[in-house]
Structure formats: C-alpha cells, structure tokens
C-alpha cells in the first residue's frame, strides 16, 4: 500500500500504517517517510506523483500480491481493507475500485483502489516508454493499464465502513482541515 505525506496522524489509528509505504514529496516536512520522491507535487500534478511512485515500486520495492492506492484523507479500518482483498483474491479481477468507462479504456476511481501484482508487472514494462499521461491520476493509471476488458475490473461503487474527509461517531469526530498541499 502507498499513501501520501499529508495523511492525518489520526489516519494511522484507522488504517494499515504498519503495512503501508509512505511516499512523500521532495520538500515535505512530514515525518516517517519511507520513500521521498524527487519532486513536489500539487493536486494538478498527482498523475506525475503516481508515475514517479510506480517507477519506485517497479525498480526498488519487494513485490506483493496486492497494491492499494488510498487517498490521504480516507479513514478505513484494517478489517474492511482485509475483507476487500480477500474477496478480490477469490476472483479473476485485476483492479478493484469505482470503475469509469468514459474513455476508450476503463479506469479506477474513488478514494481507494486495489490492483494485483500482474497489473504492476505490466505497468513496469510500459512505464519507460509511456508518453504524456492525463493530468488526473486515476485516468493516467487507466491509460497505463489500457484495457476495456470488464472481467479485469471489480466495482467498489458502494463503499461501506470507510469514510472520506470526515468521520463521526459517539466519541470521535475527525474533519480534515487541509486538502492536499495547495
């Protein structure tokens, strides 16, 4: 799993800190960065951050069965992510997330998507020759996959048990005050 450097300290109470690799911008002041990227990114350059992160994963990271992209303002219990991965492991699905089909290829959308090792291996082959990608990170990811095969995609369109930007219960209220590094 990889996540951005603007994650709230409370994010780590609800998701998989021990299993996550924290990718940070070049000049971030955040602590605990596992990988420091070569640039400083803004919301409009997140596709470049995605490509640079994938490049690091292709060239230097240990391979695993699943890779998870989580927005830095998503709060999710470990049990929910494990449930999604278990379900995905029992299917031929290669990418799970919200699925959009408004380009000649499919692409994952939403605060979370998961992809299998075969997808990363394929992307690693394409990355050195990838031309200019779409500015939107999720569409850029779809461009790299370049598939309209419905069997490759599992939908997570009806999210349950995770929260984007805020969380409230009887004892805790979390609201993100800063969005991205704008």
C-alpha atoms as a PDB file:
ATOM      1  CA  UNK A   1       0.000   0.000   0.000  1.00  0.00           C
ATOM      2  CA  UNK A   2       1.166   3.542  -0.580  1.00  0.00           C
ATOM      3  CA  UNK A   3      -0.201   6.770   0.811  1.00  0.00           C
ATOM      4  CA  UNK A   4       0.632  10.450   0.682  1.00  0.00           C
ATOM      5  CA  UNK A   5       2.555  12.510   3.176  1.00  0.00           C
ATOM      6  CA  UNK A   6      -0.425  14.706   4.084  1.00  0.00           C
ATOM      7  CA  UNK A   7      -2.192  11.938   5.983  1.00  0.00           C
ATOM      8  CA  UNK A   8      -3.515  12.972   9.345  1.00  0.00           C
ATOM      9  CA  UNK A   9      -1.834  11.421  12.374  1.00  0.00           C
ATOM     10  CA  UNK A  10      -5.304  10.061  13.202  1.00  0.00           C
ATOM     11  CA  UNK A  11      -5.365   8.283   9.827  1.00  0.00           C
ATOM     12  CA  UNK A  12      -2.960   5.784  11.326  1.00  0.00           C
ATOM     13  CA  UNK A  13      -5.468   4.801  14.012  1.00  0.00           C
ATOM     14  CA  UNK A  14      -7.902   3.557  11.397  1.00  0.00           C
ATOM     15  CA  UNK A  15      -5.861   2.069   8.598  1.00  0.00           C
ATOM     16  CA  UNK A  16      -2.834  -0.051   7.923  1.00  0.00           C
ATOM     17  CA  UNK A  17       0.145   2.041   8.998  1.00  0.00           C
ATOM     18  CA  UNK A  18       2.368  -0.991   9.532  1.00  0.00           C
ATOM     19  CA  UNK A  19       1.586  -2.344   6.069  1.00  0.00           C
ATOM     20  CA  UNK A  20       1.752   0.995   4.236  1.00  0.00           C
ATOM     21  CA  UNK A  21       4.704   2.508   2.435  1.00  0.00           C
ATOM     22  CA  UNK A  22       4.578   6.269   2.888  1.00  0.00           C
ATOM     23  CA  UNK A  23       5.550   8.200  -0.249  1.00  0.00           C
ATOM     24  CA  UNK A  24       6.470  11.847   0.413  1.00  0.00           C
ATOM     25  CA  UNK A  25       7.106  14.857  -1.773  1.00  0.00           C
ATOM     26  CA  UNK A  26      10.692  16.121  -2.015  1.00  0.00           C
ATOM     27  CA  UNK A  27      10.284  19.005   0.395  1.00  0.00           C
ATOM     28  CA  UNK A  28       7.646  17.701   2.798  1.00  0.00           C
ATOM     29  CA  UNK A  29       8.120  18.296   6.488  1.00  0.00           C
ATOM     30  CA  UNK A  30       6.154  15.155   7.349  1.00  0.00           C
ATOM     31  CA  UNK A  31       7.946  12.519   9.386  1.00  0.00           C
ATOM     32  CA  UNK A  32       8.109   8.795   8.774  1.00  0.00           C
ATOM     33  CA  UNK A  33       8.590   8.898   5.010  1.00  0.00           C
ATOM     34  CA  UNK A  34       9.580   5.522   3.577  1.00  0.00           C
ATOM     35  CA  UNK A  35      10.169   6.944   0.094  1.00  0.00           C
ATOM     36  CA  UNK A  36      10.989  10.562  -0.682  1.00  0.00           C
ATOM     37  CA  UNK A  37      10.094  11.364  -4.280  1.00  0.00           C
ATOM     38  CA  UNK A  38      12.166  13.683  -6.489  1.00  0.00           C
ATOM     39  CA  UNK A  39       9.518  16.413  -6.937  1.00  0.00           C
ATOM     40  CA  UNK A  40       6.996  18.487  -5.008  1.00  0.00           C
ATOM     41  CA  UNK A  41       3.501  17.812  -6.321  1.00  0.00           C
ATOM     42  CA  UNK A  42       0.236  19.756  -6.318  1.00  0.00           C
ATOM     43  CA  UNK A  43      -3.282  18.485  -6.856  1.00  0.00           C
ATOM     44  CA  UNK A  44      -2.948  19.132 -10.606  1.00  0.00           C
ATOM     45  CA  UNK A  45       0.256  17.066 -10.847  1.00  0.00           C
ATOM     46  CA  UNK A  46      -0.888  13.968  -8.973  1.00  0.00           C
ATOM     47  CA  UNK A  47      -0.567  11.875 -12.146  1.00  0.00           C
ATOM     48  CA  UNK A  48       3.154  12.706 -12.133  1.00  0.00           C
ATOM     49  CA  UNK A  49       3.322  11.664  -8.476  1.00  0.00           C
ATOM     50  CA  UNK A  50       1.553   8.410  -9.366  1.00  0.00           C
ATOM     51  CA  UNK A  51       4.008   7.690 -12.204  1.00  0.00           C
ATOM     52  CA  UNK A  52       7.011   8.530 -10.003  1.00  0.00           C
ATOM     53  CA  UNK A  53       5.636   6.299  -7.228  1.00  0.00           C
ATOM     54  CA  UNK A  54       5.014   3.449  -9.669  1.00  0.00           C
ATOM     55  CA  UNK A  55       8.548   3.879 -11.003  1.00  0.00           C
ATOM     56  CA  UNK A  56       9.931   3.466  -7.478  1.00  0.00           C
ATOM     57  CA  UNK A  57       7.747   0.406  -6.978  1.00  0.00           C
ATOM     58  CA  UNK A  58       8.900  -1.081 -10.294  1.00  0.00           C
ATOM     59  CA  UNK A  59      12.592  -0.530  -9.627  1.00  0.00           C
ATOM     60  CA  UNK A  60      13.200  -0.998  -5.964  1.00  0.00           C
ATOM     61  CA  UNK A  61      10.372  -2.462  -3.989  1.00  0.00           C
ATOM     62  CA  UNK A  62       9.625  -6.001  -2.972  1.00  0.00           C
ATOM     63  CA  UNK A  63       6.725  -7.492  -4.906  1.00  0.00           C
ATOM     64  CA  UNK A  64       3.497  -8.377  -3.136  1.00  0.00           C
ATOM     65  CA  UNK A  65       0.205  -9.899  -4.285  1.00  0.00           C
ATOM     66  CA  UNK A  66      -1.854  -6.711  -3.925  1.00  0.00           C
ATOM     67  CA  UNK A  67      -1.198  -2.972  -4.139  1.00  0.00           C
ATOM     68  CA  UNK A  68      -3.562  -0.433  -2.605  1.00  0.00           C
ATOM     69  CA  UNK A  69      -3.851   3.231  -3.544  1.00  0.00           C
ATOM     70  CA  UNK A  70      -5.600   5.192  -0.793  1.00  0.00           C
ATOM     71  CA  UNK A  71      -6.295   8.921  -0.797  1.00  0.00           C
ATOM     72  CA  UNK A  72      -4.568  10.627   2.088  1.00  0.00           C
ATOM     73  CA  UNK A  73      -7.902  11.742   3.543  1.00  0.00           C
ATOM     74  CA  UNK A  74      -9.527   8.298   3.678  1.00  0.00           C
ATOM     75  CA  UNK A  75     -10.182   6.666   7.039  1.00  0.00           C
ATOM     76  CA  UNK A  76     -10.605   2.906   6.890  1.00  0.00           C
ATOM     77  CA  UNK A  77     -10.475   0.115   9.452  1.00  0.00           C
ATOM     78  CA  UNK A  78      -7.936  -2.609   8.750  1.00  0.00           C
ATOM     79  CA  UNK A  79     -10.702  -5.231   8.796  1.00  0.00           C
ATOM     80  CA  UNK A  80     -12.545  -3.531   5.888  1.00  0.00           C
ATOM     81  CA  UNK A  81      -9.468  -3.467   3.678  1.00  0.00           C
ATOM     82  CA  UNK A  82      -8.679  -7.092   4.519  1.00  0.00           C
ATOM     83  CA  UNK A  83     -12.252  -8.033   3.580  1.00  0.00           C
ATOM     84  CA  UNK A  84     -11.930  -6.320   0.174  1.00  0.00           C
ATOM     85  CA  UNK A  85      -8.600  -8.043  -0.501  1.00  0.00           C
ATOM     86  CA  UNK A  86      -9.982 -11.464   0.496  1.00  0.00           C
ATOM     87  CA  UNK A  87     -12.892 -11.052  -1.909  1.00  0.00           C
ATOM     88  CA  UNK A  88     -10.592  -9.862  -4.683  1.00  0.00           C
ATOM     89  CA  UNK A  89      -8.218 -12.807  -4.147  1.00  0.00           C
ATOM     90  CA  UNK A  90     -11.000 -15.236  -4.981  1.00  0.00           C
ATOM     91  CA  UNK A  91     -11.771 -13.652  -8.380  1.00  0.00           C
ATOM     92  CA  UNK A  92     -10.060 -13.085 -11.711  1.00  0.00           C
ATOM     93  CA  UNK A  93     -10.474  -9.362 -11.128  1.00  0.00           C
ATOM     94  CA  UNK A  94      -7.199  -7.441 -11.503  1.00  0.00           C
ATOM     95  CA  UNK A  95      -8.321  -3.965 -10.397  1.00  0.00           C
ATOM     96  CA  UNK A  96     -10.934  -3.124  -7.750  1.00  0.00           C
ATOM     97  CA  UNK A  97     -12.397   0.309  -7.179  1.00  0.00           C
ATOM     98  CA  UNK A  98     -15.040   2.505  -8.609  1.00  0.00           C
ATOM     99  CA  UNK A  99     -14.938   1.850 -12.344  1.00  0.00           C
ATOM    100  CA  UNK A 100     -15.317   4.510 -15.022  1.00  0.00           C
ATOM    101  CA  UNK A 101     -15.748   3.748 -18.707  1.00  0.00           C
ATOM    102  CA  UNK A 102     -15.863   7.170 -20.364  1.00  0.00           C
ATOM    103  CA  UNK A 103     -12.586   6.771 -22.251  1.00  0.00           C
ATOM    104  CA  UNK A 104     -11.645   4.005 -24.706  1.00  0.00           C
ATOM    105  CA  UNK A 105     -10.265   2.196 -21.636  1.00  0.00           C
ATOM    106  CA  UNK A 106     -11.539   1.561 -18.127  1.00  0.00           C
ATOM    107  CA  UNK A 107     -10.008   3.271 -15.114  1.00  0.00           C
ATOM    108  CA  UNK A 108     -10.480   3.057 -11.350  1.00  0.00           C
ATOM    109  CA  UNK A 109     -11.987   5.993  -9.500  1.00  0.00           C
ATOM    110  CA  UNK A 110     -12.570   6.809  -5.877  1.00  0.00           C
ATOM    111  CA  UNK A 111     -10.657   7.199  -2.674  1.00  0.00           C
ATOM    112  CA  UNK A 112      -9.333   3.647  -2.834  1.00  0.00           C
ATOM    113  CA  UNK A 113      -8.424   1.148  -5.488  1.00  0.00           C
ATOM    114  CA  UNK A 114      -6.554  -2.106  -5.343  1.00  0.00           C
ATOM    115  CA  UNK A 115      -4.612  -3.868  -8.058  1.00  0.00           C
ATOM    116  CA  UNK A 116      -2.863  -7.212  -8.336  1.00  0.00           C
ATOM    117  CA  UNK A 117       0.806  -7.907  -8.989  1.00  0.00           C
ATOM    118  CA  UNK A 118       0.195  -8.747 -12.669  1.00  0.00           C
ATOM    119  CA  UNK A 119      -1.049  -5.183 -13.240  1.00  0.00           C
ATOM    120  CA  UNK A 120       2.064  -3.681 -11.653  1.00  0.00           C
ATOM    121  CA  UNK A 121       4.278  -6.023 -13.681  1.00  0.00           C
ATOM    122  CA  UNK A 122       2.506  -4.896 -16.870  1.00  0.00           C
ATOM    123  CA  UNK A 123       2.803  -1.222 -15.902  1.00  0.00           C
ATOM    124  CA  UNK A 124       6.516  -1.691 -15.156  1.00  0.00           C
ATOM    125  CA  UNK A 125       7.021  -2.884 -18.741  1.00  0.00           C
ATOM    126  CA  UNK A 126       5.140   0.124 -20.167  1.00  0.00           C
ATOM    127  CA  UNK A 127       6.403   2.862 -17.854  1.00  0.00           C
ATOM    128  CA  UNK A 128       9.759   3.570 -19.553  1.00  0.00           C
ATOM    129  CA  UNK A 129       8.020   4.303 -22.868  1.00  0.00           C
ATOM    130  CA  UNK A 130       4.862   5.941 -21.513  1.00  0.00           C
ATOM    131  CA  UNK A 131       4.059   9.180 -23.280  1.00  0.00           C
ATOM    132  CA  UNK A 132       2.326  12.170 -21.728  1.00  0.00           C
ATOM    133  CA  UNK A 133      -0.426  10.890 -19.487  1.00  0.00           C
ATOM    134  CA  UNK A 134      -3.683  12.541 -18.475  1.00  0.00           C
ATOM    135  CA  UNK A 135      -3.358  15.056 -15.615  1.00  0.00           C
ATOM    136  CA  UNK A 136      -5.897  13.189 -13.478  1.00  0.00           C
ATOM    137  CA  UNK A 137      -4.087  10.407 -11.603  1.00  0.00           C
ATOM    138  CA  UNK A 138      -6.847   7.783 -11.864  1.00  0.00           C
ATOM    139  CA  UNK A 139      -7.260   8.315 -15.613  1.00  0.00           C
ATOM    140  CA  UNK A 140      -3.456   8.167 -16.015  1.00  0.00           C
ATOM    141  CA  UNK A 141      -3.498   4.817 -14.200  1.00  0.00           C
ATOM    142  CA  UNK A 142      -6.198   3.620 -16.636  1.00  0.00           C
ATOM    143  CA  UNK A 143      -4.100   4.807 -19.575  1.00  0.00           C
ATOM    144  CA  UNK A 144      -1.219   2.671 -18.330  1.00  0.00           C
ATOM    145  CA  UNK A 145      -3.445  -0.399 -17.971  1.00  0.00           C
ATOM    146  CA  UNK A 146      -5.164   0.385 -21.312  1.00  0.00           C
ATOM    147  CA  UNK A 147      -7.927  -2.204 -21.086  1.00  0.00           C
ATOM    148  CA  UNK A 148     -11.665  -2.285 -21.754  1.00  0.00           C
ATOM    149  CA  UNK A 149     -11.999  -5.894 -20.574  1.00  0.00           C
ATOM    150  CA  UNK A 150     -14.797  -5.835 -17.972  1.00  0.00           C
ATOM    151  CA  UNK A 151     -13.520  -9.062 -16.418  1.00  0.00           C
ATOM    152  CA  UNK A 152     -10.392  -7.247 -15.214  1.00  0.00           C
ATOM    153  CA  UNK A 153     -12.352  -4.812 -13.029  1.00  0.00           C
ATOM    154  CA  UNK A 154     -14.313  -5.319  -9.809  1.00  0.00           C
ATOM    155  CA  UNK A 155     -16.504  -2.484  -8.642  1.00  0.00           C
ATOM    156  CA  UNK A 156     -16.305  -0.969  -5.164  1.00  0.00           C
ATOM    157  CA  UNK A 157     -19.012   1.526  -6.087  1.00  0.00           C
ATOM    158  CA  UNK A 158     -20.989   1.066  -2.875  1.00  0.00           C
ATOM    159  CA  UNK A 159     -18.415   1.753  -0.170  1.00  0.00           C
ATOM    160  CA  UNK A 160     -19.216   0.695   3.358  1.00  0.00           C
ATOM    161  CA  UNK A 161     -17.246   1.061   6.550  1.00  0.00           C
ATOM    162  CA  UNK A 162     -14.845   3.731   5.340  1.00  0.00           C
ATOM    163  CA  UNK A 163     -15.031   7.492   5.381  1.00  0.00           C
ATOM    164  CA  UNK A 164     -13.720  10.218   3.102  1.00  0.00           C
ATOM    165  CA  UNK A 165     -12.650  13.567   4.636  1.00  0.00           C
ATOM    166  CA  UNK A 166     -14.530  13.136   7.900  1.00  0.00           C
ATOM    167  CA  UNK A 167     -15.609  10.588  10.465  1.00  0.00           C
ATOM    168  CA  UNK A 168     -18.070  10.935  13.328  1.00  0.00           C
ATOM    169  CA  UNK A 169     -19.243   8.538  15.982  1.00  0.00           C
ATOM    170  CA  UNK A 170     -20.281   8.784  19.628  1.00  0.00           C
ATOM    171  CA  UNK A 171     -16.751   9.508  20.853  1.00  0.00           C
ATOM    172  CA  UNK A 172     -14.689  10.761  17.899  1.00  0.00           C
ATOM    173  CA  UNK A 173     -15.030  13.484  15.304  1.00  0.00           C
ATOM    174  CA  UNK A 174     -12.395  13.829  12.596  1.00  0.00           C
ATOM    175  CA  UNK A 175     -12.549  16.521   9.930  1.00  0.00           C
ATOM    176  CA  UNK A 176      -9.732  17.208   7.501  1.00  0.00           C
ATOM    177  CA  UNK A 177      -8.875  20.902   7.521  1.00  0.00           C
ATOM    178  CA  UNK A 178      -6.293  20.902   4.722  1.00  0.00           C
ATOM    179  CA  UNK A 179      -6.880  19.230   1.382  1.00  0.00           C
ATOM    180  CA  UNK A 180      -3.724  18.223  -0.481  1.00  0.00           C
ATOM    181  CA  UNK A 181      -0.768  20.585  -0.498  1.00  0.00           C
ATOM    182  CA  UNK A 182      -2.320  23.573  -2.253  1.00  0.00           C
END
